[in-house]
Protein backbone atom coordinates (compact mmCIF):
# COMPACT_ATOMS: atom_id res chain seq x y z
CA UNK A 1 -0.05 -0.21 0.00
CA UNK A 2 2.47 2.29 0.69
CA UNK A 3 5.01 1.50 -2.18
CA UNK A 4 3.01 4.63 -3.99
CA UNK A 5 3.16 6.95 -1.30
CA UNK A 6 5.81 9.79 -0.90
CA UNK A 7 8.23 9.00 1.83
CA UNK A 8 7.95 11.58 4.54
CA UNK A 9 10.57 13.08 6.96
CA UNK A 10 8.94 14.65 10.14
CA UNK A 11 11.27 17.06 12.15
CA UNK A 12 9.92 17.55 15.35
CA UNK A 13 7.94 14.96 17.50
CA UNK A 14 6.42 16.99 20.31
CA UNK A 15 3.05 17.83 21.39
CA UNK A 16 1.74 18.54 17.99
CA UNK A 17 4.50 16.66 16.21
CA UNK A 18 3.46 13.10 18.07
CA UNK A 19 -0.36 13.21 16.54
CA UNK A 20 0.27 14.59 13.55
CA UNK A 21 3.04 11.81 12.84
CA UNK A 22 0.32 9.53 13.86
CA UNK A 23 -2.06 10.42 11.45
CA UNK A 24 0.25 10.46 8.86
CA UNK A 25 1.00 6.70 9.82
CA UNK A 26 -2.31 5.66 9.55
CA UNK A 27 -3.00 7.27 6.42
CA UNK A 28 0.01 4.79 5.34
CA UNK A 29 2.84 7.41 4.54
CA UNK A 30 6.29 5.70 5.06
CA UNK A 31 7.92 7.91 7.33
CA UNK A 32 11.39 8.69 8.91
CA UNK A 33 11.35 10.77 12.14
CA UNK A 34 13.76 13.03 13.82
CA UNK A 35 13.61 14.70 17.36
CA UNK A 36 16.16 16.38 19.37
CA UNK A 37 15.05 14.09 22.50
CA UNK A 38 15.21 10.80 20.61
CA UNK A 39 12.96 9.02 23.06
CA UNK A 40 10.06 10.75 21.94
CA UNK A 41 10.49 9.07 19.01
CA UNK A 42 9.90 5.70 20.93
CA UNK A 43 6.05 5.05 20.38
CA UNK A 44 6.60 5.05 16.68
CA UNK A 45 9.67 2.74 16.58
CA UNK A 46 8.03 -0.23 15.01
CA UNK A 47 6.29 1.83 12.29
CA UNK A 48 8.87 4.53 11.12
CA UNK A 49 12.81 5.01 10.42
CA UNK A 50 14.12 6.91 13.48
CA UNK A 51 17.00 9.25 12.44
CA UNK A 52 19.85 10.36 14.58
CA UNK A 53 20.46 13.67 12.50
CA UNK A 54 18.11 16.34 10.73
CA UNK A 55 20.33 15.34 7.62
CA UNK A 56 20.26 11.86 7.67
CA UNK A 57 16.25 12.10 8.13
CA UNK A 58 15.52 13.89 4.88
CA UNK A 59 18.00 12.21 2.77
CA UNK A 60 15.92 9.77 1.10
CA UNK A 61 12.35 11.98 1.74
CA UNK A 62 10.21 13.13 -0.84
CA UNK A 63 8.69 15.12 1.36
CA UNK A 64 10.29 16.92 4.98
CA UNK A 65 7.77 18.72 7.26
CA UNK A 66 9.11 20.58 10.19
CA UNK A 67 7.08 21.35 13.44
CA UNK A 68 9.58 23.01 15.54
CA UNK A 69 9.02 25.33 18.61
CA UNK A 70 10.25 28.72 16.71
CA UNK A 71 12.12 30.44 13.81
CA UNK A 72 15.63 29.69 15.49
CA UNK A 73 15.07 26.22 15.69
CA UNK A 74 13.96 25.68 12.24
CA UNK A 75 17.11 27.95 11.10
CA UNK A 76 19.43 25.56 13.07
CA UNK A 77 17.72 22.34 12.04
CA UNK A 78 17.57 23.45 8.38
CA UNK A 79 20.69 25.17 7.87
CA UNK A 80 23.00 24.90 11.08
CA UNK A 81 22.42 21.21 11.39
CA UNK A 82 22.52 20.78 7.53
CA UNK A 83 19.34 19.31 6.54
CA UNK A 84 18.72 21.70 3.28
CA UNK A 85 22.19 20.67 2.24
CA UNK A 86 21.11 16.97 2.30
CA UNK A 87 17.45 17.30 0.45
CA UNK A 88 17.63 15.54 -3.16
CA UNK A 89 16.52 17.55 -5.79
CA UNK A 90 12.55 17.65 -6.33
CA UNK A 91 12.05 17.34 -2.80
CA UNK A 92 9.12 19.55 -0.98
CA UNK A 93 10.08 21.29 2.41
CA UNK A 94 6.92 22.05 4.48
CA UNK A 95 7.38 23.74 7.36
CA UNK A 96 4.34 23.80 9.74
CA UNK A 97 6.43 25.29 12.51
CA UNK A 98 5.01 29.37 13.34
CA UNK A 99 8.17 31.48 12.23
CA UNK A 100 8.36 34.94 10.91
CA UNK A 101 7.46 35.49 7.33
CA UNK A 102 10.59 37.15 6.51
CA UNK A 103 12.29 33.82 7.58
CA UNK A 104 9.80 31.61 5.51
CA UNK A 105 10.79 33.49 2.46
CA UNK A 106 14.54 33.04 2.99
CA UNK A 107 14.14 29.36 3.54
CA UNK A 108 12.03 29.41 0.19
CA UNK A 109 14.84 31.24 -1.57
CA UNK A 110 17.59 28.44 -0.18
CA UNK A 111 15.37 25.68 -1.05
CA UNK A 112 14.58 26.80 -4.98
CA UNK A 113 18.47 27.42 -4.99
CA UNK A 114 18.82 23.49 -4.57
CA UNK A 115 15.68 22.71 -6.88
CA UNK A 116 13.54 22.20 -3.99
CA UNK A 117 10.06 23.65 -3.22
CA UNK A 118 9.14 25.30 -0.30
CA UNK A 119 5.59 25.82 1.58
CA UNK A 120 5.13 27.43 4.91
CA UNK A 121 2.12 25.85 6.15
CA UNK A 122 1.25 26.91 10.04
CA UNK A 123 -1.27 25.43 12.05
CA UNK A 124 -4.26 26.53 14.18
CA UNK A 125 -6.34 23.59 16.62
CA UNK A 126 -4.06 23.02 19.21
CA UNK A 127 -2.89 19.38 20.45
CA UNK A 128 -6.80 18.43 20.24
CA UNK A 129 -7.20 19.32 16.68
CA UNK A 130 -4.02 17.65 15.88
CA UNK A 131 -5.07 14.21 17.66
CA UNK A 132 -8.10 14.40 15.80
CA UNK A 133 -6.71 15.43 12.31
CA UNK A 134 -8.88 18.70 12.54
CA UNK A 135 -6.10 21.14 12.14
CA UNK A 136 -6.75 24.46 9.97
CA UNK A 137 -3.72 24.63 7.84
CA UNK A 138 -2.41 27.96 6.18
CA UNK A 139 -0.15 27.59 3.35
CA UNK A 140 1.83 29.96 1.54
CA UNK A 141 3.38 28.45 -1.61
CA UNK A 142 2.90 28.18 -5.18
CA UNK A 143 -0.08 26.66 -6.28
CA UNK A 144 1.81 23.85 -7.68
CA UNK A 145 3.97 23.27 -4.26
CA UNK A 146 0.30 23.34 -2.26
CA UNK A 147 -1.54 20.96 -4.46
CA UNK A 148 1.55 18.59 -4.04
CA UNK A 149 1.26 18.91 -0.24
CA UNK A 150 -2.56 18.55 -0.64
CA UNK A 151 -2.60 14.60 -0.10
CA UNK A 152 -0.19 14.98 3.27
CA UNK A 153 -2.47 18.06 4.83
CA UNK A 154 -5.84 15.95 4.07
CA UNK A 155 -4.06 13.53 6.68
CA UNK A 156 -3.94 16.20 9.54
CA UNK A 157 -6.76 18.63 8.48
CA UNK A 158 -7.98 21.22 6.03
CA UNK A 159 -5.79 23.28 4.38
CA UNK A 160 -6.25 26.86 2.52
CA UNK A 161 -4.03 28.06 0.45
CA UNK A 162 -3.45 31.98 1.53
CA UNK A 163 -1.33 33.19 -0.95
CA UNK A 164 2.72 33.34 -1.96
CA UNK A 165 5.61 31.94 0.50
CA UNK A 166 5.04 34.01 3.72
CA UNK A 167 1.27 34.31 3.39
CA UNK A 168 0.47 31.29 5.66
CA UNK A 169 2.54 32.76 8.30
CA UNK A 170 0.66 35.91 8.27
CA UNK A 171 -2.28 33.95 8.67
CA UNK A 172 -0.92 32.37 11.66
CA UNK A 173 0.31 36.07 12.88
CA UNK A 174 -3.44 37.10 12.31
CA UNK A 175 -4.69 33.71 14.08
CA UNK A 176 -2.83 33.96 17.27
CA UNK A 177 -3.46 37.78 17.50
CA UNK A 178 -7.21 37.21 17.98
CA UNK A 179 -6.56 34.08 19.87
CA UNK A 180 -4.44 35.91 22.53
CA UNK A 181 -6.58 39.36 22.72
CA UNK A 182 -9.96 36.75 22.87
CA UNK A 183 -8.23 34.89 25.65
CA UNK A 184 -7.72 38.16 27.87
CA UNK A 185 -11.05 39.38 27.00
CA UNK A 186 -12.58 35.99 28.00
CA UNK A 187 -10.44 35.88 30.99
CA UNK A 188 -11.45 39.66 32.06
CA UNK A 189 -15.06 39.12 31.71
CA UNK A 190 -15.14 35.80 33.83
CA UNK A 191 -13.16 37.24 36.32
CA UNK A 192 -15.46 40.54 36.59
CA UNK A 193 -18.87 38.48 36.54
CA UNK A 194 -17.49 36.16 39.27
CA UNK A 195 -16.24 38.98 41.45
CA UNK A 196 -19.71 40.20 41.53
CA UNK A 197 -21.22 37.13 42.64
CA UNK A 198 -21.93 35.43 39.57
CA UNK A 199 -21.42 32.11 38.69
CA UNK A 200 -18.91 31.93 36.22
CA UNK A 201 -19.74 28.42 34.66
CA UNK A 202 -23.35 29.65 34.32
CA UNK A 203 -21.89 33.28 32.54
CA UNK A 204 -20.23 30.91 30.35
CA UNK A 205 -23.17 28.83 29.39
CA UNK A 206 -24.95 32.31 28.79
CA UNK A 207 -22.54 33.73 26.63
CA UNK A 208 -21.98 30.79 24.41
CA UNK A 209 -25.63 31.00 22.90
CA UNK A 210 -25.30 34.97 22.23
CA UNK A 211 -22.60 37.23 20.14
CA UNK A 212 -19.94 36.74 22.56
CA UNK A 213 -19.86 32.85 21.87
CA UNK A 214 -16.48 31.55 20.42
CA UNK A 215 -14.15 28.62 20.53
CA UNK A 216 -12.15 30.24 22.85
CA UNK A 217 -14.75 30.79 25.29
CA UNK A 218 -15.92 27.27 24.83
CA UNK A 219 -12.79 25.72 25.14
CA UNK A 220 -10.57 27.99 27.20
CA UNK A 221 -13.48 29.33 29.18
CA UNK A 222 -14.06 26.18 30.48
CA UNK A 223 -10.20 25.46 31.19
CA UNK A 224 -10.40 28.35 33.35
CA UNK A 225 -13.50 27.52 35.26
CA UNK A 226 -11.74 24.30 36.07
CA UNK A 227 -8.41 25.69 36.38
CA UNK A 228 -7.26 23.13 34.27
CA UNK A 229 -4.08 24.78 32.65
CA UNK A 230 -2.18 21.65 31.68
CA UNK A 231 -0.41 23.09 28.05
CA UNK A 232 -2.07 22.31 24.89
CA UNK A 233 -0.25 25.37 23.48
CA UNK A 234 2.13 26.60 26.40
CA UNK A 235 2.04 30.29 27.16
CA UNK A 236 5.75 30.79 26.45
CA UNK A 237 4.74 29.71 22.61
CA UNK A 238 1.77 32.52 22.73
CA UNK A 239 4.13 35.10 23.93
CA UNK A 240 6.37 34.43 21.13
CA UNK A 241 3.97 34.43 18.58
CA UNK A 242 2.80 37.68 20.43
CA UNK A 243 6.29 39.03 19.87
CA UNK A 244 6.17 38.13 16.10
CA UNK A 245 2.90 40.01 15.55
CA UNK A 246 4.55 42.99 16.95
CA UNK A 247 7.95 42.96 15.21
CA UNK A 248 5.90 42.35 11.78
CA UNK A 249 3.56 45.06 12.70
CA UNK A 250 6.23 47.63 13.42
CA UNK A 251 8.12 46.34 10.14
CA UNK A 252 4.63 47.49 8.41
CA UNK A 253 4.26 50.59 10.22
CA UNK A 254 1.30 49.85 12.14
CA UNK A 255 0.43 50.22 15.66
CA UNK A 256 -1.45 47.46 17.44
CA UNK A 257 -2.52 48.24 20.59
CA UNK A 258 -4.54 45.43 21.59
CA UNK A 259 -1.70 42.97 20.96
CA UNK A 260 0.68 45.27 22.50
CA UNK A 261 -1.47 44.99 25.84
CA UNK A 262 -2.05 41.23 25.63
CA UNK A 263 1.64 40.77 24.84
CA UNK A 264 2.56 42.65 27.89
CA UNK A 265 0.20 40.41 30.43
CA UNK A 266 1.98 37.05 28.78
CA UNK A 267 5.10 38.69 29.31
CA UNK A 268 4.35 38.93 33.18
CA UNK A 269 2.39 35.86 33.20
CA UNK A 270 5.76 34.03 31.73
CA UNK A 271 8.30 36.27 34.30
CA UNK A 272 6.14 34.90 37.18
CA UNK A 273 7.17 31.38 36.61
CA UNK A 274 4.31 30.39 34.17
CA UNK A 275 5.96 29.55 31.13
CA UNK A 276 4.82 25.98 30.51
CA UNK A 277 0.93 26.43 31.61
CA UNK A 278 -1.63 26.54 28.72
CA UNK A 279 -2.10 29.95 27.05
CA UNK A 280 -5.53 29.71 28.96
CA UNK A 281 -3.61 30.29 31.93
CA UNK A 282 -3.26 34.03 31.37
CA UNK A 283 -6.46 34.07 33.98
CA UNK A 284 -3.42 33.55 36.25
CA UNK A 285 -1.66 36.73 35.26
CA UNK A 286 -5.26 38.70 35.61
CA UNK A 287 -5.92 37.26 39.22
CA UNK A 288 -2.39 38.20 40.41
CA UNK A 289 -3.00 41.48 39.16
CA UNK A 290 -6.24 42.18 41.10
CA UNK A 291 -5.18 39.92 44.13
CA UNK A 292 -8.49 37.60 43.82
CA UNK A 293 -8.94 34.30 42.57
CA UNK A 294 -12.15 33.80 40.48
CA UNK A 295 -13.00 30.36 41.65
CA UNK A 296 -13.48 27.21 40.17
CA UNK A 297 -16.87 24.98 38.45
CA UNK A 298 -19.81 24.82 40.74
CA UNK A 299 -18.19 26.79 43.91
CA UNK A 300 -18.94 30.38 42.62
CA UNK A 301 -16.59 33.36 43.76
CA UNK A 302 -13.82 32.67 46.07
CA UNK A 303 -13.27 35.78 48.43
């Protein structure tokens, strides 16, 4: 079955990469995996080849997917550790990490010089979306390269081509601006209601049926009420994305006051030791600022 499928090298088997790899294997793709901490590849050792270096991983790959923490790590893996040099002509690089649009364009130029295609394809949907193969995939690249990647994307979620290289990353920045600002709005709204004596769980339920209803209110509002801040998307990653949003805005001569304010709140959250809490844990910084706790499900506000 797998003989007609392109071989995929997947670099980065973390919170997102592991479930994405699972879905690609289940779809029948032959795979070679690499991760800095090799033990994270262990669940797939009977189904995939495990490589010792990024260069070894990509050497025979038709498609290379990177799912790494930030642009510096992507640069190190692709360029510093020689993966780009080891690519075979005609291969396709798909960077599904969230990186600066300018870095995506630079990597595309390096790929083109080697006769290799390139698509930037960051995702939204978190670990739940990754596990359920329901990721929203925002692709930047030529129509031909994105079309070539579609069978791979279909195993992980739904792809929308945004435009040329770098456009996928711009869409992800837009997504993260809305996510970060909305998490801030939901945390303020629930704390305000709870402090006044309302049950935040009932408030969330009521708001879900109106104009304020959103995926953030549904999922992250529930996390706040249950105080379940185990990371789906760690706060340090949200902070990194907000920093990129502000950098891109500055480069385009824009001022984004809401993004700036939420960036500052995440900066404080991380500085106070919460870098690895879920990004819905922005509530913790708001509670710290106000010297009060919202309270948990069914218990009403905590005085």
